[in-house]
Amino acid sequence: MHIVINGEDMGASARGLPAARPLYAVVDVFASTKSVRVIQVDYGFPSLQTLCRQVIQKHVIHRLAIDGLDLPLVLKNFCKYE
């Protein structure tokens, strides 16, 4: 988890969070804060699996067209996910 203030990444605030369990964000703000937004930011390099999905998605007109491809069902479902 990183803290971002006014678009500037202030660095990691937590590491090694359990990915298989729900994570609840609690934000404590003060002064003239008008809004808080929690977003997921991916750091590092995408996996080969993710890169393949992006190429497949780029070459189909609509995500539902993935159903017509000669791919295993598990891979089709993965490719439909953004």
PDB file of N, CA and C in Angstrom:
ATOM      1  N   MET A   1       0.850  -1.158   0.000  1.00  0.00           N
ATOM      2  CA  MET A   1       0.000   0.000   0.000  1.00  0.00           C
ATOM      3  C   MET A   1       0.902   1.230   0.000  1.00  0.00           C
ATOM      4  N   HIS A   2       0.565   2.180  -0.846  1.00  0.00           N
ATOM      5  CA  HIS A   2       1.316   3.429  -0.931  1.00  0.00           C
ATOM      6  C   HIS A   2       0.425   4.596  -0.525  1.00  0.00           C
ATOM      7  N   ILE A   3       1.040   5.619  -0.046  1.00  0.00           N
ATOM      8  CA  ILE A   3       0.321   6.852   0.246  1.00  0.00           C
ATOM      9  C   ILE A   3       0.644   7.830  -0.873  1.00  0.00           C
ATOM     10  N   VAL A   4      -0.400   8.404  -1.481  1.00  0.00           N
ATOM     11  CA  VAL A   4      -0.240   9.381  -2.547  1.00  0.00           C
ATOM     12  C   VAL A   4      -0.906  10.667  -2.091  1.00  0.00           C
ATOM     13  N   ILE A   5      -0.153  11.740  -2.085  1.00  0.00           N
ATOM     14  CA  ILE A   5      -0.682  13.039  -1.680  1.00  0.00           C
ATOM     15  C   ILE A   5      -0.573  13.984  -2.864  1.00  0.00           C
ATOM     16  N   ASN A   6      -1.721  14.515  -3.292  1.00  0.00           N
ATOM     17  CA  ASN A   6      -1.764  15.431  -4.435  1.00  0.00           C
ATOM     18  C   ASN A   6      -1.050  14.857  -5.657  1.00  0.00           C
ATOM     19  N   GLY A   7      -1.249  13.571  -5.906  1.00  0.00           N
ATOM     20  CA  GLY A   7      -0.681  12.915  -7.072  1.00  0.00           C
ATOM     21  C   GLY A   7       0.771  12.490  -6.930  1.00  0.00           C
ATOM     22  N   GLU A   8       1.415  12.763  -5.815  1.00  0.00           N
ATOM     23  CA  GLU A   8       2.810  12.387  -5.613  1.00  0.00           C
ATOM     24  C   GLU A   8       2.895  11.173  -4.697  1.00  0.00           C
ATOM     25  N   ASP A   9       3.534  10.111  -5.204  1.00  0.00           N
ATOM     26  CA  ASP A   9       3.689   8.880  -4.433  1.00  0.00           C
ATOM     27  C   ASP A   9       4.683   9.132  -3.306  1.00  0.00           C
ATOM     28  N   MET A  10       4.203   9.006  -2.079  1.00  0.00           N
ATOM     29  CA  MET A  10       5.033   9.252  -0.904  1.00  0.00           C
ATOM     30  C   MET A  10       5.740   7.982  -0.429  1.00  0.00           C
ATOM     31  N   GLY A  11       5.487   6.862  -1.098  1.00  0.00           N
ATOM     32  CA  GLY A  11       6.168   5.622  -0.748  1.00  0.00           C
ATOM     33  C   GLY A  11       5.253   4.621  -0.066  1.00  0.00           C
ATOM     34  N   ALA A  12       5.824   3.462   0.170  1.00  0.00           N
ATOM     35  CA  ALA A  12       5.060   2.363   0.758  1.00  0.00           C
ATOM     36  C   ALA A  12       4.773   2.632   2.224  1.00  0.00           C
ATOM     37  N   SER A  13       3.545   2.343   2.606  1.00  0.00           N
ATOM     38  CA  SER A  13       3.185   2.468   4.014  1.00  0.00           C
ATOM     39  C   SER A  13       2.967   1.101   4.647  1.00  0.00           C
ATOM     40  N   ALA A  14       2.802   0.088   3.835  1.00  0.00           N
ATOM     41  CA  ALA A  14       2.621  -1.270   4.348  1.00  0.00           C
ATOM     42  C   ALA A  14       3.057  -2.255   3.274  1.00  0.00           C
ATOM     43  N   ARG A  15       3.648  -3.324   3.687  1.00  0.00           N
ATOM     44  CA  ARG A  15       4.066  -4.384   2.760  1.00  0.00           C
ATOM     45  C   ARG A  15       3.618  -5.721   3.323  1.00  0.00           C
ATOM     46  N   GLY A  16       3.520  -6.702   2.433  1.00  0.00           N
ATOM     47  CA  GLY A  16       3.184  -8.048   2.862  1.00  0.00           C
ATOM     48  C   GLY A  16       1.758  -8.210   3.343  1.00  0.00           C
ATOM     49  N   LEU A  17       0.855  -7.403   2.801  1.00  0.00           N
ATOM     50  CA  LEU A  17      -0.546  -7.528   3.200  1.00  0.00           C
ATOM     51  C   LEU A  17      -1.119  -8.821   2.638  1.00  0.00           C
ATOM     52  N   PRO A  18      -1.988  -9.512   3.365  1.00  0.00           N
ATOM     53  CA  PRO A  18      -2.547 -10.774   2.875  1.00  0.00           C
ATOM     54  C   PRO A  18      -3.459 -10.528   1.673  1.00  0.00           C
ATOM     55  N   ALA A  19      -3.139 -11.147   0.552  1.00  0.00           N
ATOM     56  CA  ALA A  19      -3.907 -10.929  -0.674  1.00  0.00           C
ATOM     57  C   ALA A  19      -5.171 -11.780  -0.722  1.00  0.00           C
ATOM     58  N   ALA A  20      -5.225 -12.846   0.057  1.00  0.00           N
ATOM     59  CA  ALA A  20      -6.355 -13.770  -0.015  1.00  0.00           C
ATOM     60  C   ALA A  20      -7.491 -13.394   0.930  1.00  0.00           C
ATOM     61  N   ARG A  21      -7.310 -12.352   1.722  1.00  0.00           N
ATOM     62  CA  ARG A  21      -8.343 -11.951   2.679  1.00  0.00           C
ATOM     63  C   ARG A  21      -8.782 -10.527   2.384  1.00  0.00           C
ATOM     64  N   PRO A  22      -9.982 -10.157   2.801  1.00  0.00           N
ATOM     65  CA  PRO A  22     -10.442  -8.784   2.561  1.00  0.00           C
ATOM     66  C   PRO A  22      -9.534  -7.764   3.251  1.00  0.00           C
ATOM     67  N   LEU A  23      -9.371  -6.638   2.590  1.00  0.00           N
ATOM     68  CA  LEU A  23      -8.587  -5.545   3.149  1.00  0.00           C
ATOM     69  C   LEU A  23      -9.488  -4.319   3.216  1.00  0.00           C
ATOM     70  N   TYR A  24      -9.588  -3.737   4.373  1.00  0.00           N
ATOM     71  CA  TYR A  24     -10.453  -2.581   4.566  1.00  0.00           C
ATOM     72  C   TYR A  24      -9.586  -1.351   4.788  1.00  0.00           C
ATOM     73  N   ALA A  25      -9.832  -0.330   4.008  1.00  0.00           N
ATOM     74  CA  ALA A  25      -9.064   0.911   4.137  1.00  0.00           C
ATOM     75  C   ALA A  25      -9.798   1.870   5.063  1.00  0.00           C
ATOM     76  N   VAL A  26      -9.057   2.456   5.972  1.00  0.00           N
ATOM     77  CA  VAL A  26      -9.601   3.484   6.856  1.00  0.00           C
ATOM     78  C   VAL A  26      -8.775   4.736   6.608  1.00  0.00           C
ATOM     79  N   VAL A  27      -9.448   5.823   6.292  1.00  0.00           N
ATOM     80  CA  VAL A  27      -8.759   7.066   5.982  1.00  0.00           C
ATOM     81  C   VAL A  27      -9.141   8.103   7.023  1.00  0.00           C
ATOM     82  N   ASP A  28      -8.151   8.692   7.624  1.00  0.00           N
ATOM     83  CA  ASP A  28      -8.377   9.747   8.608  1.00  0.00           C
ATOM     84  C   ASP A  28      -7.834  11.043   8.008  1.00  0.00           C
ATOM     85  N   VAL A  29      -8.711  11.987   7.774  1.00  0.00           N
ATOM     86  CA  VAL A  29      -8.302  13.241   7.144  1.00  0.00           C
ATOM     87  C   VAL A  29      -8.577  14.404   8.086  1.00  0.00           C
ATOM     88  N   PHE A  30      -7.968  15.512   7.779  1.00  0.00           N
ATOM     89  CA  PHE A  30      -8.144  16.683   8.635  1.00  0.00           C
ATOM     90  C   PHE A  30      -8.077  17.955   7.790  1.00  0.00           C
ATOM     91  N   ALA A  31      -8.332  19.055   8.397  1.00  0.00           N
ATOM     92  CA  ALA A  31      -8.227  20.393   7.792  1.00  0.00           C
ATOM     93  C   ALA A  31      -9.166  20.550   6.605  1.00  0.00           C
ATOM     94  N   SER A  32      -8.630  20.965   5.478  1.00  0.00           N
ATOM     95  CA  SER A  32      -9.492  21.325   4.345  1.00  0.00           C
ATOM     96  C   SER A  32      -9.575  20.234   3.286  1.00  0.00           C
ATOM     97  N   THR A  33      -9.396  18.982   3.658  1.00  0.00           N
ATOM     98  CA  THR A  33      -9.497  17.887   2.703  1.00  0.00           C
ATOM     99  C   THR A  33     -10.907  17.830   2.148  1.00  0.00           C
ATOM    100  N   LYS A  34     -11.015  17.827   0.814  1.00  0.00           N
ATOM    101  CA  LYS A  34     -12.330  17.822   0.178  1.00  0.00           C
ATOM    102  C   LYS A  34     -12.741  16.439  -0.295  1.00  0.00           C
ATOM    103  N   SER A  35     -11.771  15.614  -0.653  1.00  0.00           N
ATOM    104  CA  SER A  35     -12.124  14.276  -1.115  1.00  0.00           C
ATOM    105  C   SER A  35     -10.957  13.322  -0.882  1.00  0.00           C
ATOM    106  N   VAL A  36     -11.316  12.065  -0.774  1.00  0.00           N
ATOM    107  CA  VAL A  36     -10.342  10.990  -0.629  1.00  0.00           C
ATOM    108  C   VAL A  36     -10.757   9.899  -1.589  1.00  0.00           C
ATOM    109  N   ARG A  37      -9.796   9.367  -2.330  1.00  0.00           N
ATOM    110  CA  ARG A  37     -10.086   8.310  -3.278  1.00  0.00           C
ATOM    111  C   ARG A  37      -9.086   7.186  -3.067  1.00  0.00           C
ATOM    112  N   VAL A  38      -9.571   5.966  -2.930  1.00  0.00           N
ATOM    113  CA  VAL A  38      -8.712   4.796  -2.781  1.00  0.00           C
ATOM    114  C   VAL A  38      -8.643   4.120  -4.142  1.00  0.00           C
ATOM    115  N   ILE A  39      -7.436   3.971  -4.685  1.00  0.00           N
ATOM    116  CA  ILE A  39      -7.254   3.357  -5.996  1.00  0.00           C
ATOM    117  C   ILE A  39      -6.201   2.265  -5.897  1.00  0.00           C
ATOM    118  N   GLN A  40      -6.266   1.328  -6.830  1.00  0.00           N
ATOM    119  CA  GLN A  40      -5.261   0.275  -6.898  1.00  0.00           C
ATOM    120  C   GLN A  40      -4.218   0.682  -7.926  1.00  0.00           C
ATOM    121  N   VAL A  41      -2.973   0.666  -7.536  1.00  0.00           N
ATOM    122  CA  VAL A  41      -1.880   1.027  -8.422  1.00  0.00           C
ATOM    123  C   VAL A  41      -0.974  -0.187  -8.560  1.00  0.00           C
ATOM    124  N   ASP A  42      -0.710  -0.565  -9.796  1.00  0.00           N
ATOM    125  CA  ASP A  42       0.170  -1.704 -10.043  1.00  0.00           C
ATOM    126  C   ASP A  42       1.588  -1.197 -10.271  1.00  0.00           C
ATOM    127  N   TYR A  43       2.523  -1.689  -9.481  1.00  0.00           N
ATOM    128  CA  TYR A  43       3.926  -1.337  -9.632  1.00  0.00           C
ATOM    129  C   TYR A  43       4.665  -2.551 -10.158  1.00  0.00           C
ATOM    130  N   GLY A  44       5.737  -2.329 -10.849  1.00  0.00           N
ATOM    131  CA  GLY A  44       6.530  -3.420 -11.377  1.00  0.00           C
ATOM    132  C   GLY A  44       6.115  -3.754 -12.795  1.00  0.00           C
ATOM    133  N   PHE A  45       6.436  -4.941 -13.219  1.00  0.00           N
ATOM    134  CA  PHE A  45       6.169  -5.364 -14.577  1.00  0.00           C
ATOM    135  C   PHE A  45       4.958  -6.285 -14.605  1.00  0.00           C
ATOM    136  N   PRO A  46       4.122  -6.171 -15.654  1.00  0.00           N
ATOM    137  CA  PRO A  46       2.996  -7.096 -15.765  1.00  0.00           C
ATOM    138  C   PRO A  46       3.507  -8.506 -16.059  1.00  0.00           C
ATOM    139  N   SER A  47       2.731  -9.485 -15.640  1.00  0.00           N
ATOM    140  CA  SER A  47       3.110 -10.878 -15.887  1.00  0.00           C
ATOM    141  C   SER A  47       2.920 -11.208 -17.366  1.00  0.00           C
ATOM    142  N   LEU A  48       3.536 -12.294 -17.804  1.00  0.00           N
ATOM    143  CA  LEU A  48       3.370 -12.749 -19.183  1.00  0.00           C
ATOM    144  C   LEU A  48       1.901 -13.053 -19.451  1.00  0.00           C
ATOM    145  N   GLN A  49       1.219 -13.617 -18.466  1.00  0.00           N
ATOM    146  CA  GLN A  49      -0.206 -13.925 -18.582  1.00  0.00           C
ATOM    147  C   GLN A  49      -1.008 -12.645 -18.840  1.00  0.00           C
ATOM    148  N   THR A  50      -0.714 -11.588 -18.111  1.00  0.00           N
ATOM    149  CA  THR A  50      -1.412 -10.319 -18.288  1.00  0.00           C
ATOM    150  C   THR A  50      -1.100  -9.711 -19.649  1.00  0.00           C
ATOM    151  N   LEU A  51       0.150  -9.783 -20.083  1.00  0.00           N
ATOM    152  CA  LEU A  51       0.515  -9.261 -21.401  1.00  0.00           C
ATOM    153  C   LEU A  51      -0.218 -10.003 -22.514  1.00  0.00           C
ATOM    154  N   CYS A  52      -0.336 -11.326 -22.391  1.00  0.00           N
ATOM    155  CA  CYS A  52      -1.070 -12.115 -23.387  1.00  0.00           C
ATOM    156  C   CYS A  52      -2.537 -11.709 -23.420  1.00  0.00           C
ATOM    157  N   ARG A  53      -3.133 -11.501 -22.253  1.00  0.00           N
ATOM    158  CA  ARG A  53      -4.529 -11.074 -22.186  1.00  0.00           C
ATOM    159  C   ARG A  53      -4.705  -9.738 -22.897  1.00  0.00           C
ATOM    160  N   GLN A  54      -3.784  -8.806 -22.684  1.00  0.00           N
ATOM    161  CA  GLN A  54      -3.884  -7.498 -23.322  1.00  0.00           C
ATOM    162  C   GLN A  54      -3.818  -7.607 -24.841  1.00  0.00           C
ATOM    163  N   VAL A  55      -2.964  -8.486 -25.355  1.00  0.00           N
ATOM    164  CA  VAL A  55      -2.855  -8.676 -26.806  1.00  0.00           C
ATOM    165  C   VAL A  55      -4.141  -9.277 -27.356  1.00  0.00           C
ATOM    166  N   ILE A  56      -4.683 -10.276 -26.676  1.00  0.00           N
ATOM    167  CA  ILE A  56      -5.939 -10.895 -27.122  1.00  0.00           C
ATOM    168  C   ILE A  56      -7.057  -9.864 -27.107  1.00  0.00           C
ATOM    169  N   GLN A  57      -7.162  -9.074 -26.039  1.00  0.00           N
ATOM    170  CA  GLN A  57      -8.212  -8.060 -25.947  1.00  0.00           C
ATOM    171  C   GLN A  57      -8.065  -7.006 -27.040  1.00  0.00           C
ATOM    172  N   LYS A  58      -6.841  -6.685 -27.407  1.00  0.00           N
ATOM    173  CA  LYS A  58      -6.600  -5.673 -28.434  1.00  0.00           C
ATOM    174  C   LYS A  58      -7.063  -6.149 -29.816  1.00  0.00           C
ATOM    175  N   HIS A  59      -7.070  -7.462 -30.036  1.00  0.00           N
ATOM    176  CA  HIS A  59      -7.381  -8.003 -31.350  1.00  0.00           C
ATOM    177  C   HIS A  59      -8.821  -8.482 -31.509  1.00  0.00           C
ATOM    178  N   VAL A  60      -9.658  -8.297 -30.523  1.00  0.00           N
ATOM    179  CA  VAL A  60     -11.076  -8.636 -30.665  1.00  0.00           C
ATOM    180  C   VAL A  60     -11.891  -7.346 -30.631  1.00  0.00           C
ATOM    181  N   ILE A  61     -13.006  -7.344 -31.344  1.00  0.00           N
ATOM    182  CA  ILE A  61     -13.844  -6.149 -31.426  1.00  0.00           C
ATOM    183  C   ILE A  61     -14.541  -5.890 -30.100  1.00  0.00           C
ATOM    184  N   HIS A  62     -15.036  -6.946 -29.482  1.00  0.00           N
ATOM    185  CA  HIS A  62     -15.778  -6.823 -28.226  1.00  0.00           C
ATOM    186  C   HIS A  62     -15.387  -7.994 -27.335  1.00  0.00           C
ATOM    187  N   ARG A  63     -15.414  -7.783 -26.044  1.00  0.00           N
ATOM    188  CA  ARG A  63     -15.011  -8.850 -25.117  1.00  0.00           C
ATOM    189  C   ARG A  63     -15.833 -10.125 -25.304  1.00  0.00           C
ATOM    190  N   LEU A  64     -17.093  -9.987 -25.692  1.00  0.00           N
ATOM    191  CA  LEU A  64     -17.920 -11.182 -25.898  1.00  0.00           C
ATOM    192  C   LEU A  64     -17.420 -12.012 -27.079  1.00  0.00           C
ATOM    193  N   ALA A  65     -16.653 -11.407 -27.987  1.00  0.00           N
ATOM    194  CA  ALA A  65     -16.093 -12.146 -29.121  1.00  0.00           C
ATOM    195  C   ALA A  65     -15.053 -13.160 -28.660  1.00  0.00           C
ATOM    196  N   ILE A  66     -14.562 -13.009 -27.456  1.00  0.00           N
ATOM    197  CA  ILE A  66     -13.582 -13.961 -26.914  1.00  0.00           C
ATOM    198  C   ILE A  66     -14.195 -15.351 -26.817  1.00  0.00           C
ATOM    199  N   ASP A  67     -15.521 -15.417 -26.599  1.00  0.00           N
ATOM    200  CA  ASP A  67     -16.193 -16.723 -26.522  1.00  0.00           C
ATOM    201  C   ASP A  67     -16.028 -17.519 -27.808  1.00  0.00           C
ATOM    202  N   GLY A  68     -15.878 -16.850 -28.946  1.00  0.00           N
ATOM    203  CA  GLY A  68     -15.742 -17.527 -30.231  1.00  0.00           C
ATOM    204  C   GLY A  68     -14.338 -18.018 -30.527  1.00  0.00           C
ATOM    205  N   LEU A  69     -13.388 -17.684 -29.697  1.00  0.00           N
ATOM    206  CA  LEU A  69     -12.007 -18.116 -29.922  1.00  0.00           C
ATOM    207  C   LEU A  69     -11.817 -19.568 -29.488  1.00  0.00           C
ATOM    208  N   ASP A  70     -10.890 -20.240 -30.152  1.00  0.00           N
ATOM    209  CA  ASP A  70     -10.591 -21.640 -29.832  1.00  0.00           C
ATOM    210  C   ASP A  70      -9.585 -21.687 -28.674  1.00  0.00           C
ATOM    211  N   LEU A  71     -10.101 -21.360 -27.483  1.00  0.00           N
ATOM    212  CA  LEU A  71      -9.281 -21.323 -26.276  1.00  0.00           C
ATOM    213  C   LEU A  71      -9.982 -22.092 -25.166  1.00  0.00           C
ATOM    214  N   PRO A  72      -9.243 -22.614 -24.200  1.00  0.00           N
ATOM    215  CA  PRO A  72      -9.881 -23.256 -23.046  1.00  0.00           C
ATOM    216  C   PRO A  72     -10.763 -22.250 -22.300  1.00  0.00           C
ATOM    217  N   LEU A  73     -11.826 -22.732 -21.678  1.00  0.00           N
ATOM    218  CA  LEU A  73     -12.789 -21.872 -20.986  1.00  0.00           C
ATOM    219  C   LEU A  73     -12.118 -21.012 -19.912  1.00  0.00           C
ATOM    220  N   VAL A  74     -11.184 -21.594 -19.178  1.00  0.00           N
ATOM    221  CA  VAL A  74     -10.501 -20.837 -18.122  1.00  0.00           C
ATOM    222  C   VAL A  74      -9.761 -19.640 -18.723  1.00  0.00           C
ATOM    223  N   LEU A  75      -9.112 -19.839 -19.856  1.00  0.00           N
ATOM    224  CA  LEU A  75      -8.382 -18.755 -20.510  1.00  0.00           C
ATOM    225  C   LEU A  75      -9.343 -17.713 -21.078  1.00  0.00           C
ATOM    226  N   LYS A  76     -10.473 -18.156 -21.620  1.00  0.00           N
ATOM    227  CA  LYS A  76     -11.478 -17.207 -22.116  1.00  0.00           C
ATOM    228  C   LYS A  76     -11.969 -16.311 -20.985  1.00  0.00           C
ATOM    229  N   ASN A  77     -12.271 -16.916 -19.852  1.00  0.00           N
ATOM    230  CA  ASN A  77     -12.750 -16.127 -18.708  1.00  0.00           C
ATOM    231  C   ASN A  77     -11.685 -15.145 -18.232  1.00  0.00           C
ATOM    232  N   PHE A  78     -10.437 -15.570 -18.222  1.00  0.00           N
ATOM    233  CA  PHE A  78      -9.352 -14.682 -17.815  1.00  0.00           C
ATOM    234  C   PHE A  78      -9.211 -13.513 -18.788  1.00  0.00           C
ATOM    235  N   CYS A  79      -9.373 -13.778 -20.068  1.00  0.00           N
ATOM    236  CA  CYS A  79      -9.217 -12.732 -21.082  1.00  0.00           C
ATOM    237  C   CYS A  79     -10.358 -11.718 -21.046  1.00  0.00           C
ATOM    238  N   LYS A  80     -11.508 -12.096 -20.540  1.00  0.00           N
ATOM    239  CA  LYS A  80     -12.635 -11.161 -20.441  1.00  0.00           C
ATOM    240  C   LYS A  80     -12.443 -10.179 -19.297  1.00  0.00           C
ATOM    241  N   TYR A  81     -11.661 -10.560 -18.329  1.00  0.00           N
ATOM    242  CA  TYR A  81     -11.414  -9.720 -17.163  1.00  0.00           C
ATOM    243  C   TYR A  81     -10.469  -8.589 -17.549  1.00  0.00           C
ATOM    244  N   GLU A  82     -10.707  -7.411 -16.999  1.00  0.00           N
ATOM    245  CA  GLU A  82      -9.829  -6.273 -17.322  1.00  0.00           C
ATOM    246  C   GLU A  82      -8.620  -6.263 -16.436  1.00  0.00           C
TER     247      GLU A  82
END
